[in-house]
Amino acid sequence: MNIRAVFYATVQAVGLYAAGFIIPLLGQVLGLFTPVPLILTSVRYGRKEGLSALGASCVLVLALGGWQAAAILLFSFGLMSIGISEGMHRKMSHERVVLLGGLLPIAVLVAIVVFYFIQVGKSPMAAVEEYLRESITAAAAAYTRMGLKDMAAMVTSVTDDFIYYLTRLIPAITIATTVIQAACCYGVARAIIARKPESASVDGQPPFAAWHAPDVWVWGLIAALTLIVIPNELPRLAGWNLAILFSVVYMAQGAAIVEHYLQKAHLKTFMRGLIITLILAMPSIVFVIALGVVDIWADVRKVRGPVQKA
């Protein structure tokens, strides 16, 4: 076992994880990339080193921050790193690696939550609604104590209907945010490996600028839009959850198209990343999603192969 690699990965992972608790804003962003050093260690040196670095990180966090912090590290960032690194070991396609890394923590979380609520005999939706109402009340009280009456009034204006629908969209929101995090960690890890490809097995997948979702996935988006227009609450909620998920898929495809043309303009990596981040952070994100959907038929980058005749 490469003890040195395990040591460096442990220090880096714990450092990124701790930054999320210590440094405001920037630290929370850095904390999202905690899986990256664990992924790199596993892919470059082997599964044994990657799992050892994860175990050592959890033990160190347990000693410094308690079992709750260690559990979060293990069941969120740790499982994500295992899923992504395993996908890279198996040379899976980009979308399969990201889905494996993003959905593995979700699957374990769902199993734990279901088991807990079965034991206590309480509805998960009711518990989430109660938590949101308590959080709103606490936030309003805090703003009032600070003299921010306008902010307190805005918070208290949140209606029960908003809480009701937000609670039922949490599944898609949770999956979407976790998958986006997995995609970012995977992209950073691949970019680092690409700088020294001899230090790890190269997966042979096309670059992000040439990526597109499997075209058959468009039927999921069509199903989502169909469910939304059905005049019944249950299908509409299912449709909105699906719409959120497929919006993320085609947002990524649209961002890949933007990356393609920014590369053709010979912009540096930092500038390309900054421009794409700004585009996705503004209302222009809607046009990026639309571009991703249109690309299914337009193939604006000409990255799809010719249609094979039977």
Protein backbone atom coordinates (compact mmCIF):
# COMPACT_ATOMS: atom_id res chain seq x y z
CA MET A 1 0.00 0.00 0.00
CA ASN A 2 1.17 3.51 -0.83
CA ILE A 3 1.05 5.04 2.68
CA ARG A 4 2.26 8.41 1.43
CA ALA A 5 -0.63 8.70 -1.04
CA VAL A 6 -3.11 7.71 1.66
CA PHE A 7 -1.67 10.32 4.04
CA TYR A 8 -1.84 13.16 1.49
CA ALA A 9 -5.37 12.23 0.44
CA THR A 10 -6.51 12.11 4.06
CA VAL A 11 -5.07 15.54 4.84
CA GLN A 12 -6.55 17.06 1.69
CA ALA A 13 -10.00 15.51 2.16
CA VAL A 14 -10.23 16.51 5.83
CA GLY A 15 -8.95 20.00 4.99
CA LEU A 16 -11.62 20.51 2.31
CA TYR A 17 -14.30 19.07 4.57
CA ALA A 18 -13.29 21.26 7.52
CA ALA A 19 -13.24 24.36 5.28
CA GLY A 20 -16.98 23.99 4.84
CA PHE A 21 -17.47 24.51 8.57
CA ILE A 22 -14.76 27.09 9.22
CA ILE A 23 -14.61 29.46 6.22
CA PRO A 24 -17.81 31.31 5.25
CA LEU A 25 -19.10 30.98 1.67
CA LEU A 26 -15.82 30.07 -0.06
CA GLY A 27 -15.20 27.28 2.43
CA GLN A 28 -18.63 25.82 1.76
CA VAL A 29 -17.86 25.75 -1.95
CA LEU A 30 -14.50 24.08 -1.30
CA GLY A 31 -16.18 21.56 0.99
CA LEU A 32 -18.26 20.26 -1.92
CA PHE A 33 -15.03 18.99 -3.55
CA THR A 34 -14.07 16.81 -0.57
CA PRO A 35 -14.45 13.61 -2.67
CA VAL A 36 -11.84 14.73 -5.24
CA PRO A 37 -8.62 13.70 -3.38
CA LEU A 38 -10.25 10.38 -2.46
CA ILE A 39 -11.19 9.77 -6.10
CA LEU A 40 -7.71 10.64 -7.33
CA THR A 41 -6.07 8.31 -4.82
CA SER A 42 -8.33 5.41 -5.74
CA VAL A 43 -7.91 5.87 -9.50
CA ARG A 44 -4.17 6.56 -9.43
CA TYR A 45 -3.02 4.09 -6.79
CA GLY A 46 -5.81 1.55 -6.36
CA ARG A 47 -9.06 0.82 -4.57
CA LYS A 48 -7.26 -0.24 -1.39
CA GLU A 49 -5.54 3.14 -1.09
CA GLY A 50 -8.77 5.00 -1.83
CA LEU A 51 -10.75 3.13 0.82
CA SER A 52 -7.91 3.48 3.31
CA ALA A 53 -7.84 7.26 2.76
CA LEU A 54 -11.59 7.40 3.27
CA GLY A 55 -11.37 5.36 6.47
CA ALA A 56 -8.51 7.46 7.83
CA SER A 57 -10.42 10.67 6.99
CA CYS A 58 -13.49 9.43 8.88
CA VAL A 59 -11.41 8.46 11.91
CA LEU A 60 -9.70 11.86 11.97
CA VAL A 61 -13.00 13.73 11.61
CA LEU A 62 -14.50 11.51 14.32
CA ALA A 63 -11.70 12.54 16.68
CA LEU A 64 -11.97 16.23 15.82
CA GLY A 65 -15.67 16.80 15.20
CA GLY A 66 -17.65 13.90 16.62
CA TRP A 67 -19.61 11.02 15.13
CA GLN A 68 -22.17 13.21 13.35
CA ALA A 69 -19.49 14.94 11.26
CA ALA A 70 -17.81 11.60 10.55
CA ALA A 71 -21.13 10.07 9.48
CA ILE A 72 -21.80 12.93 7.05
CA LEU A 73 -18.34 12.51 5.58
CA LEU A 74 -18.76 8.76 5.16
CA PHE A 75 -22.33 8.57 3.88
CA SER A 76 -22.25 11.60 1.57
CA PHE A 77 -18.78 12.50 0.32
CA GLY A 78 -17.30 9.07 0.99
CA LEU A 79 -19.94 7.11 -0.89
CA MET A 80 -19.79 9.64 -3.72
CA SER A 81 -16.03 9.14 -4.04
CA ILE A 82 -16.48 5.35 -4.05
CA GLY A 83 -19.13 5.52 -6.78
CA ILE A 84 -17.16 7.89 -9.03
CA SER A 85 -13.82 6.11 -8.62
CA GLU A 86 -15.43 2.71 -9.26
CA GLY A 87 -17.06 4.06 -12.40
CA MET A 88 -13.70 5.39 -13.58
CA HIS A 89 -12.03 2.05 -12.81
CA ARG A 90 -14.66 0.31 -14.93
CA LYS A 91 -14.28 2.94 -17.70
CA MET A 92 -17.98 3.76 -17.69
CA SER A 93 -19.45 6.57 -19.77
CA HIS A 94 -19.58 10.05 -18.26
CA GLU A 95 -23.28 9.93 -17.43
CA ARG A 96 -23.02 6.52 -15.76
CA VAL A 97 -20.09 7.61 -13.61
CA VAL A 98 -21.93 10.74 -12.49
CA LEU A 99 -25.16 8.86 -11.80
CA LEU A 100 -23.31 6.17 -9.83
CA GLY A 101 -21.47 8.77 -7.75
CA GLY A 102 -24.56 10.92 -7.20
CA LEU A 103 -27.17 8.23 -6.57
CA LEU A 104 -25.15 5.96 -4.27
CA PRO A 105 -25.33 8.40 -1.30
CA ILE A 106 -29.01 9.05 -2.09
CA ALA A 107 -29.82 5.33 -2.04
CA VAL A 108 -28.18 4.87 1.36
CA LEU A 109 -29.85 8.03 2.71
CA VAL A 110 -33.28 6.85 1.55
CA ALA A 111 -32.74 3.44 3.19
CA ILE A 112 -31.78 5.10 6.50
CA VAL A 113 -34.69 7.58 6.38
CA VAL A 114 -37.25 4.90 5.51
CA PHE A 115 -36.01 2.67 8.34
CA TYR A 116 -36.13 5.58 10.81
CA PHE A 117 -39.67 6.67 9.94
CA ILE A 118 -40.92 3.09 10.01
CA GLN A 119 -39.56 2.82 13.55
CA VAL A 120 -41.10 6.10 14.77
CA GLY A 121 -44.33 5.62 12.81
CA LYS A 122 -44.34 9.11 11.31
CA SER A 123 -44.87 10.36 7.77
CA PRO A 124 -41.66 11.68 6.14
CA MET A 125 -43.60 14.43 4.35
CA ALA A 126 -45.24 15.58 7.56
CA ALA A 127 -41.87 15.62 9.34
CA VAL A 128 -40.27 17.71 6.58
CA GLU A 129 -43.19 20.16 6.55
CA GLU A 130 -42.96 20.53 10.31
CA TYR A 131 -39.21 21.13 10.09
CA LEU A 132 -39.63 23.80 7.40
CA ARG A 133 -42.30 25.63 9.42
CA GLU A 134 -40.13 25.58 12.53
CA SER A 135 -37.16 26.86 10.49
CA ILE A 136 -39.24 29.71 9.07
CA THR A 137 -40.46 30.68 12.54
CA ALA A 138 -36.92 30.60 13.93
CA ALA A 139 -35.56 32.65 11.00
CA ALA A 140 -38.30 35.27 11.41
CA ALA A 141 -37.57 35.56 15.13
CA ALA A 142 -33.84 35.96 14.44
CA TYR A 143 -34.45 38.72 11.87
CA THR A 144 -36.79 40.48 14.31
CA ARG A 145 -34.15 40.46 17.04
CA MET A 146 -31.66 41.93 14.56
CA GLY A 147 -34.09 44.73 13.70
CA LEU A 148 -34.62 43.49 10.14
CA LYS A 149 -38.40 43.74 10.15
CA ASP A 150 -38.74 43.65 6.37
CA MET A 151 -36.79 40.39 6.16
CA ALA A 152 -38.87 38.93 9.00
CA ALA A 153 -42.08 39.90 7.22
CA MET A 154 -40.85 38.36 3.96
CA VAL A 155 -39.98 35.09 5.68
CA THR A 156 -43.29 34.86 7.51
CA SER A 157 -45.16 35.50 4.24
CA VAL A 158 -44.24 32.01 3.04
CA THR A 159 -47.55 30.20 2.61
CA ASP A 160 -48.54 26.68 3.60
CA ASP A 161 -49.11 25.90 -0.09
CA PHE A 162 -45.49 26.81 -0.87
CA ILE A 163 -44.24 24.54 1.93
CA TYR A 164 -46.56 21.76 0.75
CA TYR A 165 -45.27 21.78 -2.84
CA LEU A 166 -41.64 22.40 -1.87
CA THR A 167 -41.74 19.32 0.36
CA ARG A 168 -42.98 17.18 -2.51
CA LEU A 169 -40.31 18.50 -4.88
CA ILE A 170 -37.49 17.79 -2.41
CA PRO A 171 -36.78 14.32 -3.94
CA ALA A 172 -35.92 15.81 -7.33
CA ILE A 173 -34.11 18.81 -5.81
CA THR A 174 -31.98 16.53 -3.62
CA ILE A 175 -31.10 14.19 -6.48
CA ALA A 176 -30.37 17.10 -8.84
CA THR A 177 -28.03 18.89 -6.42
CA THR A 178 -26.19 15.68 -5.51
CA VAL A 179 -25.75 14.68 -9.15
CA ILE A 180 -24.47 18.18 -10.00
CA GLN A 181 -21.94 17.91 -7.17
CA ALA A 182 -20.87 14.46 -8.43
CA ALA A 183 -20.47 15.86 -11.95
CA CYS A 184 -18.28 18.71 -10.70
CA CYS A 185 -16.09 16.38 -8.61
CA TYR A 186 -15.78 13.95 -11.52
CA GLY A 187 -14.87 16.76 -13.91
CA VAL A 188 -12.19 18.15 -11.58
CA ALA A 189 -10.72 14.68 -10.97
CA ARG A 190 -10.58 13.91 -14.71
CA ALA A 191 -8.99 17.29 -15.44
CA ILE A 192 -6.27 16.64 -12.85
CA ILE A 193 -5.63 13.12 -14.15
CA ALA A 194 -5.50 14.40 -17.75
CA ARG A 195 -2.54 16.63 -16.80
CA LYS A 196 -0.56 13.48 -15.88
CA PRO A 197 -2.33 10.64 -17.72
CA GLU A 198 0.55 8.26 -17.03
CA SER A 199 -0.32 8.34 -13.31
CA ALA A 200 -3.73 6.72 -13.80
CA SER A 201 -5.73 4.69 -16.25
CA VAL A 202 -7.36 7.00 -18.81
CA ASP A 203 -11.00 6.15 -19.40
CA GLY A 204 -10.93 6.95 -23.11
CA GLN A 205 -14.19 8.91 -22.92
CA PRO A 206 -14.68 12.02 -25.10
CA PRO A 207 -14.09 15.43 -23.49
CA PHE A 208 -16.95 17.37 -21.92
CA ALA A 209 -17.19 19.64 -24.97
CA ALA A 210 -18.21 16.62 -27.09
CA TRP A 211 -20.57 15.06 -24.55
CA HIS A 212 -24.29 14.61 -25.06
CA ALA A 213 -26.87 12.67 -23.11
CA PRO A 214 -28.18 9.46 -24.68
CA ASP A 215 -30.82 10.63 -27.14
CA VAL A 216 -33.38 8.16 -25.79
CA TRP A 217 -33.44 10.17 -22.54
CA VAL A 218 -35.58 12.78 -24.29
CA TRP A 219 -38.54 10.46 -23.73
CA GLY A 220 -38.13 11.09 -20.01
CA LEU A 221 -38.50 14.83 -20.62
CA ILE A 222 -41.52 14.22 -22.85
CA ALA A 223 -43.09 12.03 -20.14
CA ALA A 224 -42.45 14.77 -17.57
CA LEU A 225 -44.16 17.44 -19.67
CA THR A 226 -47.07 15.09 -20.36
CA LEU A 227 -47.59 14.39 -16.65
CA ILE A 228 -47.50 18.10 -15.80
CA VAL A 229 -50.53 18.89 -17.99
CA ILE A 230 -52.65 16.08 -16.51
CA PRO A 231 -55.34 17.66 -14.27
CA ASN A 232 -54.50 15.54 -11.26
CA GLU A 233 -52.18 16.45 -8.41
CA LEU A 234 -50.22 13.19 -8.12
CA PRO A 235 -49.20 12.95 -11.82
CA ARG A 236 -48.40 16.67 -11.90
CA LEU A 237 -46.10 16.40 -8.90
CA ALA A 238 -44.38 13.39 -10.48
CA GLY A 239 -44.05 15.38 -13.70
CA TRP A 240 -42.48 18.37 -11.96
CA ASN A 241 -39.99 16.11 -10.19
CA LEU A 242 -39.02 14.51 -13.50
CA ALA A 243 -38.84 17.94 -15.17
CA ILE A 244 -36.32 19.14 -12.58
CA LEU A 245 -34.14 16.08 -13.15
CA PHE A 246 -34.16 16.28 -16.94
CA SER A 247 -33.59 20.04 -16.81
CA VAL A 248 -30.27 19.26 -15.12
CA VAL A 249 -29.42 16.74 -17.86
CA TYR A 250 -30.04 19.17 -20.70
CA MET A 251 -28.46 22.04 -18.79
CA ALA A 252 -25.27 19.93 -18.82
CA GLN A 253 -25.69 19.22 -22.53
CA GLY A 254 -26.20 22.90 -23.27
CA ALA A 255 -23.14 23.78 -21.15
CA ALA A 256 -21.11 21.26 -23.17
CA ILE A 257 -22.12 23.08 -26.36
CA VAL A 258 -21.06 26.41 -24.85
CA GLU A 259 -17.75 24.80 -23.81
CA HIS A 260 -17.30 23.53 -27.39
CA TYR A 261 -17.53 27.01 -28.89
CA LEU A 262 -15.45 28.62 -26.16
CA GLN A 263 -12.71 26.10 -26.95
CA LYS A 264 -12.95 27.01 -30.63
CA ALA A 265 -12.41 30.63 -29.53
CA HIS A 266 -9.12 29.47 -27.89
CA LEU A 267 -10.06 30.72 -24.44
CA LYS A 268 -8.10 29.45 -21.46
CA THR A 269 -9.63 26.87 -19.11
CA PHE A 270 -10.16 29.39 -16.29
CA MET A 271 -11.95 31.85 -18.58
CA ARG A 272 -14.14 29.12 -20.04
CA GLY A 273 -15.12 27.93 -16.56
CA LEU A 274 -15.83 31.47 -15.39
CA ILE A 275 -18.00 32.27 -18.43
CA ILE A 276 -20.01 29.04 -18.12
CA THR A 277 -20.48 29.63 -14.38
CA LEU A 278 -21.77 33.15 -14.99
CA ILE A 279 -24.12 31.94 -17.74
CA LEU A 280 -25.56 29.23 -15.50
CA ALA A 281 -25.90 31.61 -12.54
CA MET A 282 -28.13 34.03 -14.49
CA PRO A 283 -31.56 33.69 -16.16
CA SER A 284 -29.65 32.71 -19.31
CA ILE A 285 -29.61 29.19 -17.82
CA VAL A 286 -33.06 28.74 -19.43
CA PHE A 287 -31.53 29.25 -22.88
CA VAL A 288 -28.74 26.79 -22.05
CA ILE A 289 -31.33 24.13 -21.17
CA ALA A 290 -33.26 24.89 -24.36
CA LEU A 291 -30.03 24.62 -26.36
CA GLY A 292 -29.39 21.21 -24.85
CA VAL A 293 -32.84 20.01 -25.86
CA VAL A 294 -32.58 21.40 -29.40
CA ASP A 295 -29.21 19.69 -29.80
CA ILE A 296 -30.96 16.29 -29.67
CA TRP A 297 -32.19 16.93 -33.21
CA ALA A 298 -29.88 19.69 -34.46
CA ASP A 299 -26.55 18.10 -33.39
CA VAL A 300 -24.93 21.53 -33.61
CA ARG A 301 -21.44 20.14 -32.84
CA LYS A 302 -21.76 17.18 -35.23
CA VAL A 303 -20.63 14.80 -32.51
CA ARG A 304 -23.08 12.00 -33.23
CA GLY A 305 -22.19 9.23 -35.60
CA PRO A 306 -24.13 8.43 -38.77
CA VAL A 307 -27.39 6.56 -38.41
CA GLN A 308 -26.83 2.86 -38.97
CA LYS A 309 -29.24 1.27 -41.44
CA ALA A 310 -30.72 -2.14 -40.71
